[in-house]
Amino acid sequence: MKRDNKIYMEFYKILLKLLVGVVVNMKVVKFGGTSVASGQQIKKVFDIVTSDPKRKIVVVSAPGKRFKEDVKVTDLLIKCGEEYLNNGSVKETYEAVVNRYVEIAKELGLSNSIAATKIPKSIC
């Protein structure tokens, strides 16, 4: 049994060295808010990410404000949750969230089918 433990320990050490090598040669980047608020901003993010081959993992959060009076998608999602809990319906707010993503898709020259445009009956 002691021999098995030694083998496992050696295997574990080798595995750790491999993982550390991979992680050291990799960058994780996160974008959100105004940096992903529009198609133009997402193009900038694309250029940043693709300019360095070590950037292997990209984390993207919700789009932020495009202009001063705009509403962040995160705030719209919170409003959706509150409306659903209070009224059982979120149609207008849900449409506002979907429309933000449809607008971004259009700005990027993508089909609006990339965003779910039909509102699930369970939240209307």
N, C-alpha and C. Protein backbone atom coordinates (compact mmCIF):
# COMPACT_ATOMS: atom_id res chain seq x y z
N MET A 1 0.82 -1.20 0.00
CA MET A 1 0.00 0.00 0.00
C MET A 1 0.87 1.26 0.00
N LYS A 2 2.00 1.24 0.72
CA LYS A 2 2.88 2.41 0.75
C LYS A 2 3.42 2.70 -0.64
N ARG A 3 3.72 1.66 -1.41
CA ARG A 3 4.25 1.84 -2.76
C ARG A 3 3.21 2.56 -3.63
N ASP A 4 1.94 2.19 -3.50
CA ASP A 4 0.87 2.83 -4.26
C ASP A 4 0.78 4.32 -3.93
N ASN A 5 0.88 4.64 -2.66
CA ASN A 5 0.83 6.05 -2.24
C ASN A 5 1.98 6.83 -2.85
N LYS A 6 3.15 6.24 -2.93
CA LYS A 6 4.32 6.90 -3.51
C LYS A 6 4.08 7.18 -4.99
N ILE A 7 3.52 6.20 -5.67
CA ILE A 7 3.24 6.36 -7.10
C ILE A 7 2.22 7.48 -7.32
N TYR A 8 1.18 7.47 -6.51
CA TYR A 8 0.17 8.51 -6.62
C TYR A 8 0.75 9.88 -6.34
N MET A 9 1.61 9.96 -5.36
CA MET A 9 2.23 11.24 -5.00
C MET A 9 3.12 11.74 -6.14
N GLU A 10 3.87 10.87 -6.76
CA GLU A 10 4.71 11.26 -7.89
C GLU A 10 3.86 11.72 -9.07
N PHE A 11 2.80 10.97 -9.32
CA PHE A 11 1.88 11.33 -10.40
C PHE A 11 1.27 12.71 -10.13
N TYR A 12 0.87 12.94 -8.91
CA TYR A 12 0.27 14.21 -8.50
C TYR A 12 1.27 15.35 -8.70
N LYS A 13 2.52 15.15 -8.35
CA LYS A 13 3.55 16.19 -8.52
C LYS A 13 3.75 16.53 -10.00
N ILE A 14 3.77 15.49 -10.84
CA ILE A 14 3.94 15.71 -12.28
C ILE A 14 2.74 16.47 -12.83
N LEU A 15 1.56 16.07 -12.43
CA LEU A 15 0.34 16.73 -12.87
C LEU A 15 0.32 18.20 -12.46
N LEU A 16 0.73 18.48 -11.22
CA LEU A 16 0.78 19.87 -10.76
C LEU A 16 1.75 20.70 -11.59
N LYS A 17 2.91 20.14 -11.89
CA LYS A 17 3.90 20.87 -12.70
C LYS A 17 3.32 21.19 -14.07
N LEU A 18 2.60 20.24 -14.67
CA LEU A 18 1.98 20.48 -15.97
C LEU A 18 0.93 21.58 -15.89
N LEU A 19 0.09 21.51 -14.87
CA LEU A 19 -0.95 22.51 -14.70
C LEU A 19 -0.38 23.89 -14.46
N VAL A 20 0.63 23.98 -13.64
CA VAL A 20 1.26 25.27 -13.36
C VAL A 20 1.85 25.84 -14.64
N GLY A 21 2.46 25.00 -15.45
CA GLY A 21 3.02 25.44 -16.73
C GLY A 21 1.96 26.00 -17.65
N VAL A 22 0.81 25.37 -17.68
CA VAL A 22 -0.29 25.85 -18.52
C VAL A 22 -0.83 27.17 -17.99
N VAL A 23 -1.06 27.24 -16.68
CA VAL A 23 -1.63 28.45 -16.08
C VAL A 23 -0.68 29.62 -16.19
N VAL A 24 0.60 29.40 -16.02
CA VAL A 24 1.59 30.48 -16.10
C VAL A 24 1.61 31.08 -17.49
N ASN A 25 1.36 30.26 -18.52
CA ASN A 25 1.41 30.74 -19.89
C ASN A 25 0.04 31.15 -20.42
N MET A 26 -0.87 31.48 -19.53
CA MET A 26 -2.23 31.82 -19.92
C MET A 26 -2.68 33.07 -19.17
N LYS A 27 -3.45 33.89 -19.86
CA LYS A 27 -4.04 35.07 -19.23
C LYS A 27 -5.55 34.94 -19.24
N VAL A 28 -6.16 35.32 -18.15
CA VAL A 28 -7.61 35.38 -18.05
C VAL A 28 -7.97 36.86 -18.03
N VAL A 29 -8.90 37.26 -18.90
CA VAL A 29 -9.31 38.66 -18.95
C VAL A 29 -10.82 38.76 -18.75
N LYS A 30 -11.25 39.86 -18.17
CA LYS A 30 -12.67 40.06 -17.89
C LYS A 30 -13.10 41.42 -18.44
N PHE A 31 -14.21 41.41 -19.14
CA PHE A 31 -14.76 42.64 -19.68
C PHE A 31 -16.23 42.73 -19.30
N GLY A 32 -16.68 43.92 -19.05
CA GLY A 32 -18.09 44.12 -18.72
C GLY A 32 -18.40 45.60 -18.71
N GLY A 33 -19.65 45.90 -18.41
CA GLY A 33 -20.05 47.30 -18.31
C GLY A 33 -19.94 48.02 -19.64
N THR A 34 -19.35 49.22 -19.61
CA THR A 34 -19.26 50.02 -20.83
C THR A 34 -18.37 49.38 -21.89
N SER A 35 -17.45 48.50 -21.49
CA SER A 35 -16.56 47.89 -22.48
C SER A 35 -17.29 46.87 -23.37
N VAL A 36 -18.51 46.47 -22.99
CA VAL A 36 -19.30 45.58 -23.83
C VAL A 36 -20.72 46.14 -24.06
N ALA A 37 -20.87 47.45 -23.93
CA ALA A 37 -22.19 48.08 -24.00
C ALA A 37 -22.71 48.25 -25.42
N SER A 38 -21.83 48.14 -26.40
CA SER A 38 -22.26 48.32 -27.80
C SER A 38 -21.39 47.46 -28.70
N GLY A 39 -21.84 47.35 -29.95
CA GLY A 39 -21.06 46.60 -30.93
C GLY A 39 -19.67 47.20 -31.12
N GLN A 40 -19.60 48.52 -31.16
CA GLN A 40 -18.31 49.21 -31.33
C GLN A 40 -17.36 48.86 -30.18
N GLN A 41 -17.88 48.86 -28.97
CA GLN A 41 -17.05 48.53 -27.81
C GLN A 41 -16.61 47.06 -27.85
N ILE A 42 -17.50 46.17 -28.27
CA ILE A 42 -17.15 44.75 -28.34
C ILE A 42 -16.06 44.52 -29.38
N LYS A 43 -16.07 45.30 -30.46
CA LYS A 43 -14.99 45.20 -31.46
C LYS A 43 -13.65 45.56 -30.83
N LYS A 44 -13.65 46.56 -29.96
CA LYS A 44 -12.42 46.93 -29.25
C LYS A 44 -11.95 45.79 -28.34
N VAL A 45 -12.90 45.17 -27.64
CA VAL A 45 -12.58 44.03 -26.77
C VAL A 45 -11.98 42.91 -27.61
N PHE A 46 -12.58 42.64 -28.77
CA PHE A 46 -12.06 41.61 -29.67
C PHE A 46 -10.60 41.89 -30.04
N ASP A 47 -10.32 43.14 -30.39
CA ASP A 47 -8.95 43.52 -30.76
C ASP A 47 -7.99 43.32 -29.59
N ILE A 48 -8.42 43.67 -28.40
CA ILE A 48 -7.58 43.49 -27.21
C ILE A 48 -7.30 42.02 -26.97
N VAL A 49 -8.34 41.21 -27.02
CA VAL A 49 -8.20 39.77 -26.73
C VAL A 49 -7.31 39.10 -27.77
N THR A 50 -7.54 39.40 -29.03
CA THR A 50 -6.79 38.72 -30.09
C THR A 50 -5.37 39.26 -30.28
N SER A 51 -5.05 40.37 -29.64
CA SER A 51 -3.70 40.93 -29.78
C SER A 51 -2.66 40.19 -28.95
N ASP A 52 -3.10 39.33 -28.05
CA ASP A 52 -2.16 38.59 -27.20
C ASP A 52 -2.59 37.12 -27.15
N PRO A 53 -1.80 36.23 -27.77
CA PRO A 53 -2.17 34.81 -27.81
C PRO A 53 -2.22 34.14 -26.43
N LYS A 54 -1.68 34.79 -25.41
CA LYS A 54 -1.76 34.22 -24.06
C LYS A 54 -3.13 34.43 -23.42
N ARG A 55 -3.90 35.30 -24.01
CA ARG A 55 -5.26 35.53 -23.49
C ARG A 55 -6.14 34.36 -23.95
N LYS A 56 -6.29 33.39 -23.07
CA LYS A 56 -6.98 32.15 -23.41
C LYS A 56 -8.41 32.10 -22.89
N ILE A 57 -8.68 32.77 -21.80
CA ILE A 57 -10.01 32.72 -21.20
C ILE A 57 -10.54 34.14 -21.11
N VAL A 58 -11.75 34.33 -21.65
CA VAL A 58 -12.38 35.65 -21.63
C VAL A 58 -13.69 35.54 -20.86
N VAL A 59 -13.83 36.35 -19.84
CA VAL A 59 -15.05 36.40 -19.04
C VAL A 59 -15.77 37.70 -19.39
N VAL A 60 -17.03 37.57 -19.76
CA VAL A 60 -17.80 38.75 -20.15
C VAL A 60 -19.02 38.87 -19.25
N SER A 61 -19.19 40.05 -18.68
CA SER A 61 -20.38 40.29 -17.86
C SER A 61 -21.37 41.14 -18.66
N ALA A 62 -22.42 41.58 -18.04
CA ALA A 62 -23.51 42.28 -18.72
C ALA A 62 -23.09 43.65 -19.25
N PRO A 63 -23.70 44.04 -20.38
CA PRO A 63 -23.43 45.37 -20.93
C PRO A 63 -23.86 46.48 -19.97
N GLY A 64 -23.07 47.53 -19.95
CA GLY A 64 -23.37 48.68 -19.09
C GLY A 64 -24.04 49.78 -19.88
N LYS A 65 -23.89 50.99 -19.38
CA LYS A 65 -24.52 52.16 -20.00
C LYS A 65 -23.78 52.57 -21.27
N ARG A 66 -24.55 52.95 -22.28
CA ARG A 66 -23.99 53.47 -23.53
C ARG A 66 -23.90 54.98 -23.49
N PHE A 67 -24.74 55.58 -22.66
CA PHE A 67 -24.78 57.04 -22.48
C PHE A 67 -25.33 57.31 -21.09
N LYS A 68 -25.24 58.55 -20.65
CA LYS A 68 -25.53 58.89 -19.25
C LYS A 68 -26.91 58.43 -18.77
N GLU A 69 -27.94 58.60 -19.58
CA GLU A 69 -29.31 58.28 -19.15
C GLU A 69 -29.67 56.81 -19.37
N ASP A 70 -28.77 56.05 -19.95
CA ASP A 70 -29.04 54.64 -20.27
C ASP A 70 -29.14 53.81 -18.99
N VAL A 71 -29.68 52.60 -19.12
CA VAL A 71 -29.81 51.69 -17.99
C VAL A 71 -28.92 50.48 -18.24
N LYS A 72 -28.17 50.09 -17.22
CA LYS A 72 -27.31 48.91 -17.34
C LYS A 72 -28.16 47.65 -17.43
N VAL A 73 -27.69 46.66 -18.20
CA VAL A 73 -28.43 45.41 -18.32
C VAL A 73 -28.56 44.73 -16.95
N THR A 74 -27.55 44.84 -16.12
CA THR A 74 -27.62 44.25 -14.77
C THR A 74 -28.81 44.83 -14.01
N ASP A 75 -29.00 46.14 -14.10
CA ASP A 75 -30.13 46.78 -13.42
C ASP A 75 -31.46 46.31 -14.01
N LEU A 76 -31.50 46.10 -15.33
CA LEU A 76 -32.71 45.58 -15.96
C LEU A 76 -33.02 44.16 -15.48
N LEU A 77 -31.97 43.36 -15.33
CA LEU A 77 -32.17 41.98 -14.86
C LEU A 77 -32.68 41.95 -13.41
N ILE A 78 -32.14 42.84 -12.59
CA ILE A 78 -32.62 42.93 -11.21
C ILE A 78 -34.10 43.35 -11.21
N LYS A 79 -34.42 44.33 -12.05
CA LYS A 79 -35.81 44.79 -12.16
C LYS A 79 -36.71 43.64 -12.63
N CYS A 80 -36.22 42.84 -13.57
CA CYS A 80 -36.98 41.67 -14.04
C CYS A 80 -37.32 40.74 -12.88
N GLY A 81 -36.31 40.44 -12.08
CA GLY A 81 -36.53 39.56 -10.94
C GLY A 81 -37.53 40.12 -9.96
N GLU A 82 -37.41 41.40 -9.67
CA GLU A 82 -38.33 42.04 -8.73
C GLU A 82 -39.76 42.06 -9.28
N GLU A 83 -39.90 42.39 -10.56
CA GLU A 83 -41.23 42.42 -11.18
C GLU A 83 -41.86 41.02 -11.18
N TYR A 84 -41.06 40.01 -11.48
CA TYR A 84 -41.60 38.66 -11.51
C TYR A 84 -42.08 38.24 -10.12
N LEU A 85 -41.26 38.55 -9.13
CA LEU A 85 -41.65 38.18 -7.76
C LEU A 85 -42.89 38.93 -7.30
N ASN A 86 -43.02 40.19 -7.71
CA ASN A 86 -44.14 41.02 -7.27
C ASN A 86 -45.40 40.85 -8.12
N ASN A 87 -45.22 40.65 -9.43
CA ASN A 87 -46.38 40.64 -10.34
C ASN A 87 -46.54 39.35 -11.12
N GLY A 88 -45.49 38.55 -11.19
CA GLY A 88 -45.53 37.33 -12.00
C GLY A 88 -45.40 37.60 -13.49
N SER A 89 -45.10 38.84 -13.87
CA SER A 89 -44.96 39.21 -15.27
C SER A 89 -43.81 40.20 -15.44
N VAL A 90 -43.05 40.02 -16.50
CA VAL A 90 -41.90 40.90 -16.73
C VAL A 90 -41.77 41.32 -18.19
N LYS A 91 -42.84 41.30 -18.93
CA LYS A 91 -42.80 41.48 -20.38
C LYS A 91 -41.99 42.68 -20.84
N GLU A 92 -42.30 43.87 -20.38
CA GLU A 92 -41.61 45.08 -20.85
C GLU A 92 -40.13 45.09 -20.51
N THR A 93 -39.81 44.73 -19.29
CA THR A 93 -38.40 44.73 -18.87
C THR A 93 -37.62 43.65 -19.60
N TYR A 94 -38.24 42.49 -19.77
CA TYR A 94 -37.61 41.40 -20.51
C TYR A 94 -37.32 41.85 -21.94
N GLU A 95 -38.30 42.52 -22.56
CA GLU A 95 -38.10 43.03 -23.92
C GLU A 95 -36.95 44.03 -23.98
N ALA A 96 -36.81 44.86 -22.94
CA ALA A 96 -35.71 45.83 -22.90
C ALA A 96 -34.35 45.12 -22.87
N VAL A 97 -34.26 44.04 -22.10
CA VAL A 97 -33.01 43.27 -22.03
C VAL A 97 -32.71 42.65 -23.39
N VAL A 98 -33.69 41.97 -23.95
CA VAL A 98 -33.50 41.32 -25.26
C VAL A 98 -33.13 42.34 -26.31
N ASN A 99 -33.81 43.49 -26.31
CA ASN A 99 -33.53 44.52 -27.31
C ASN A 99 -32.10 45.04 -27.23
N ARG A 100 -31.55 45.13 -26.03
CA ARG A 100 -30.14 45.56 -25.91
C ARG A 100 -29.22 44.59 -26.64
N TYR A 101 -29.46 43.29 -26.46
CA TYR A 101 -28.62 42.29 -27.13
C TYR A 101 -28.87 42.25 -28.63
N VAL A 102 -30.10 42.47 -29.05
CA VAL A 102 -30.42 42.53 -30.48
C VAL A 102 -29.71 43.72 -31.12
N GLU A 103 -29.71 44.86 -30.44
CA GLU A 103 -29.01 46.05 -30.95
C GLU A 103 -27.52 45.78 -31.11
N ILE A 104 -26.92 45.15 -30.11
CA ILE A 104 -25.49 44.83 -30.18
C ILE A 104 -25.23 43.88 -31.34
N ALA A 105 -26.09 42.87 -31.50
CA ALA A 105 -25.93 41.91 -32.60
C ALA A 105 -25.98 42.63 -33.95
N LYS A 106 -26.93 43.55 -34.11
CA LYS A 106 -27.05 44.31 -35.36
C LYS A 106 -25.80 45.14 -35.62
N GLU A 107 -25.29 45.79 -34.57
CA GLU A 107 -24.08 46.61 -34.71
C GLU A 107 -22.88 45.77 -35.15
N LEU A 108 -22.90 44.51 -34.77
CA LEU A 108 -21.80 43.60 -35.13
C LEU A 108 -22.06 42.90 -36.46
N GLY A 109 -23.19 43.21 -37.09
CA GLY A 109 -23.53 42.58 -38.36
C GLY A 109 -24.01 41.15 -38.20
N LEU A 110 -24.50 40.82 -37.01
CA LEU A 110 -25.01 39.47 -36.74
C LEU A 110 -26.52 39.46 -36.86
N SER A 111 -27.06 38.30 -37.07
CA SER A 111 -28.51 38.15 -37.12
C SER A 111 -29.09 38.37 -35.74
N ASN A 112 -30.27 39.00 -35.67
CA ASN A 112 -30.88 39.19 -34.36
C ASN A 112 -31.38 37.87 -33.78
N SER A 113 -31.31 36.80 -34.56
CA SER A 113 -31.72 35.49 -34.05
C SER A 113 -30.72 34.98 -33.00
N ILE A 114 -29.58 35.66 -32.88
CA ILE A 114 -28.60 35.27 -31.87
C ILE A 114 -29.15 35.55 -30.46
N ALA A 115 -30.10 36.46 -30.36
CA ALA A 115 -30.75 36.78 -29.08
C ALA A 115 -32.14 36.15 -29.07
N ALA A 116 -32.54 35.67 -27.92
CA ALA A 116 -33.88 35.08 -27.78
C ALA A 116 -34.90 36.19 -27.89
N THR A 117 -35.64 36.23 -28.99
CA THR A 117 -36.58 37.34 -29.19
C THR A 117 -38.00 37.00 -28.74
N LYS A 118 -38.31 35.74 -28.57
CA LYS A 118 -39.64 35.36 -28.08
C LYS A 118 -39.63 35.32 -26.57
N ILE A 119 -40.65 35.91 -26.00
CA ILE A 119 -40.75 35.93 -24.54
C ILE A 119 -41.41 34.62 -24.07
N PRO A 120 -40.75 33.91 -23.19
CA PRO A 120 -41.36 32.68 -22.68
C PRO A 120 -42.70 32.98 -22.00
N LYS A 121 -43.71 32.19 -22.30
CA LYS A 121 -45.04 32.42 -21.72
C LYS A 121 -45.03 32.37 -20.20
N SER A 122 -44.08 31.63 -19.65
CA SER A 122 -44.04 31.48 -18.19
C SER A 122 -43.69 32.78 -17.46
N ILE A 123 -43.18 33.79 -18.18
CA ILE A 123 -42.81 35.04 -17.50
C ILE A 123 -43.64 36.23 -17.97
N CYS A 124 -44.66 35.99 -18.79
CA CYS A 124 -45.51 37.08 -19.27
C CYS A 124 -46.63 37.37 -18.32
